[in-house]
């Protein structure tokens, strides 16, 4: 399920649910939820390391 989004973060998958986006990665027999964000968020800003975000 979901769509791989290497453009956002290598190895990450995206699954939309209602107004939210669920980002996860998979391993042999498990799934790790990385982030759940509202679909209106600016995704490139959200996935930048904190030390590169300017206020």
N, C-alpha and C. Protein backbone atom coordinates (compact mmCIF):
# COMPACT_ATOMS: atom_id res chain seq x y z
N UNK A 1 0.85 -1.18 0.00
CA UNK A 1 0.00 0.00 0.00
C UNK A 1 0.89 1.24 0.00
N UNK A 2 0.34 2.31 -0.42
CA UNK A 2 1.09 3.55 -0.44
C UNK A 2 1.99 3.65 -1.65
N UNK A 3 2.70 4.75 -1.70
CA UNK A 3 3.56 5.06 -2.83
C UNK A 3 4.95 5.42 -2.31
N UNK A 4 5.98 4.88 -2.93
CA UNK A 4 7.33 5.22 -2.50
C UNK A 4 7.64 6.66 -2.88
N UNK A 5 8.23 7.41 -1.94
CA UNK A 5 8.54 8.82 -2.16
C UNK A 5 10.00 9.11 -1.87
N UNK A 6 10.88 8.54 -2.70
CA UNK A 6 12.31 8.79 -2.55
C UNK A 6 12.67 10.25 -2.76
N UNK A 7 11.80 11.00 -3.45
CA UNK A 7 12.07 12.43 -3.66
C UNK A 7 11.99 13.22 -2.35
N UNK A 8 11.26 12.71 -1.39
CA UNK A 8 11.14 13.36 -0.08
C UNK A 8 12.22 12.85 0.86
N UNK A 9 12.34 11.55 0.95
CA UNK A 9 13.33 10.91 1.81
C UNK A 9 13.54 9.50 1.29
N UNK A 10 14.77 9.08 1.03
CA UNK A 10 15.00 7.75 0.45
C UNK A 10 14.39 6.63 1.30
N UNK A 11 13.68 5.71 0.63
CA UNK A 11 13.08 4.56 1.29
C UNK A 11 11.76 4.80 1.97
N UNK A 12 11.22 6.01 1.86
CA UNK A 12 9.98 6.36 2.55
C UNK A 12 8.78 6.14 1.64
N UNK A 13 7.71 5.65 2.24
CA UNK A 13 6.44 5.46 1.54
C UNK A 13 5.42 6.45 2.09
N UNK A 14 4.43 6.77 1.27
CA UNK A 14 3.37 7.71 1.64
C UNK A 14 2.02 7.05 1.43
N UNK A 15 1.17 7.17 2.44
CA UNK A 15 -0.20 6.67 2.34
C UNK A 15 -1.14 7.79 2.77
N UNK A 16 -1.97 8.31 1.86
CA UNK A 16 -2.91 9.35 2.25
C UNK A 16 -4.11 8.73 2.97
N UNK A 17 -4.55 9.40 4.03
CA UNK A 17 -5.74 8.96 4.77
C UNK A 17 -6.54 10.20 5.14
N UNK A 18 -7.71 10.33 4.54
CA UNK A 18 -8.56 11.51 4.71
C UNK A 18 -7.74 12.76 4.43
N UNK A 19 -7.58 13.67 5.40
CA UNK A 19 -6.83 14.90 5.17
C UNK A 19 -5.37 14.81 5.63
N UNK A 20 -4.92 13.62 5.97
CA UNK A 20 -3.57 13.45 6.50
C UNK A 20 -2.73 12.58 5.58
N UNK A 21 -1.43 12.72 5.74
CA UNK A 21 -0.45 11.92 5.00
C UNK A 21 0.35 11.12 6.02
N UNK A 22 0.43 9.82 5.80
CA UNK A 22 1.18 8.94 6.70
C UNK A 22 2.46 8.53 5.98
N UNK A 23 3.59 8.87 6.57
CA UNK A 23 4.89 8.52 6.01
C UNK A 23 5.45 7.35 6.82
N UNK A 24 5.92 6.33 6.12
CA UNK A 24 6.40 5.14 6.81
C UNK A 24 7.52 4.48 6.01
N UNK A 25 8.26 3.62 6.69
CA UNK A 25 9.21 2.77 5.98
C UNK A 25 8.96 1.33 6.40
N UNK A 26 9.46 0.43 5.59
CA UNK A 26 9.22 -1.00 5.85
C UNK A 26 10.55 -1.71 6.06
N UNK A 27 10.46 -2.77 6.83
CA UNK A 27 11.59 -3.66 7.07
C UNK A 27 11.10 -5.08 6.79
N UNK A 28 11.90 -6.06 7.03
CA UNK A 28 11.55 -7.43 6.68
C UNK A 28 10.12 -7.81 7.07
N UNK A 29 9.77 -7.62 8.30
CA UNK A 29 8.44 -8.02 8.76
C UNK A 29 7.77 -6.95 9.63
N UNK A 30 8.15 -5.68 9.40
CA UNK A 30 7.55 -4.61 10.20
C UNK A 30 7.41 -3.33 9.38
N UNK A 31 6.58 -2.45 9.90
CA UNK A 31 6.37 -1.12 9.32
C UNK A 31 6.62 -0.11 10.43
N UNK A 32 7.37 0.93 10.12
CA UNK A 32 7.64 2.00 11.09
C UNK A 32 7.00 3.28 10.59
N UNK A 33 6.06 3.83 11.38
CA UNK A 33 5.43 5.11 11.05
C UNK A 33 6.43 6.21 11.41
N UNK A 34 6.78 7.02 10.43
CA UNK A 34 7.75 8.09 10.64
C UNK A 34 7.09 9.41 10.99
N UNK A 35 6.04 9.76 10.25
CA UNK A 35 5.34 11.02 10.46
C UNK A 35 3.89 10.86 10.03
N UNK A 36 3.01 11.57 10.72
CA UNK A 36 1.63 11.74 10.27
C UNK A 36 1.41 13.24 10.26
N UNK A 37 1.14 13.79 9.07
CA UNK A 37 1.01 15.25 8.95
C UNK A 37 -0.27 15.59 8.19
N UNK A 38 -0.77 16.77 8.42
CA UNK A 38 -1.92 17.25 7.68
C UNK A 38 -1.49 17.51 6.23
N UNK A 39 -2.35 17.20 5.30
CA UNK A 39 -2.03 17.34 3.89
C UNK A 39 -1.74 18.75 3.43
N UNK A 40 -2.11 19.76 4.22
CA UNK A 40 -1.88 21.15 3.84
C UNK A 40 -0.48 21.64 4.21
N UNK A 41 0.29 20.83 4.93
CA UNK A 41 1.64 21.23 5.32
C UNK A 41 2.55 21.36 4.11
N UNK A 42 3.54 22.19 4.20
CA UNK A 42 4.56 22.33 3.16
C UNK A 42 5.58 21.21 3.37
N UNK A 43 5.47 20.14 2.61
CA UNK A 43 6.29 18.95 2.84
C UNK A 43 7.78 19.17 2.71
N UNK A 44 8.28 19.90 1.71
CA UNK A 44 9.74 20.11 1.67
C UNK A 44 10.27 20.78 2.94
N UNK A 45 9.54 21.75 3.48
CA UNK A 45 9.97 22.39 4.72
C UNK A 45 9.90 21.42 5.90
N UNK A 46 8.88 20.58 5.91
CA UNK A 46 8.68 19.65 7.01
C UNK A 46 9.82 18.63 7.11
N UNK A 47 10.36 18.21 5.98
CA UNK A 47 11.40 17.19 5.98
C UNK A 47 12.81 17.73 5.97
N UNK A 48 12.98 19.05 6.08
CA UNK A 48 14.33 19.61 6.19
C UNK A 48 14.85 19.39 7.61
N UNK A 49 16.17 19.17 7.75
CA UNK A 49 16.73 19.12 9.11
C UNK A 49 16.47 20.43 9.82
N UNK A 50 16.24 20.38 11.12
CA UNK A 50 15.87 21.57 11.89
C UNK A 50 16.89 22.70 11.81
N UNK A 51 18.17 22.36 11.67
CA UNK A 51 19.18 23.40 11.64
C UNK A 51 19.23 24.17 10.32
N UNK A 52 18.46 23.74 9.31
CA UNK A 52 18.46 24.46 8.03
C UNK A 52 17.21 25.29 7.83
N UNK A 53 16.24 25.21 8.75
CA UNK A 53 14.99 25.98 8.62
C UNK A 53 15.23 27.38 9.15
N UNK A 54 14.82 28.37 8.34
CA UNK A 54 14.94 29.76 8.77
C UNK A 54 13.58 30.28 9.16
N UNK A 55 13.56 31.13 10.17
CA UNK A 55 12.28 31.68 10.65
C UNK A 55 11.95 32.96 9.97
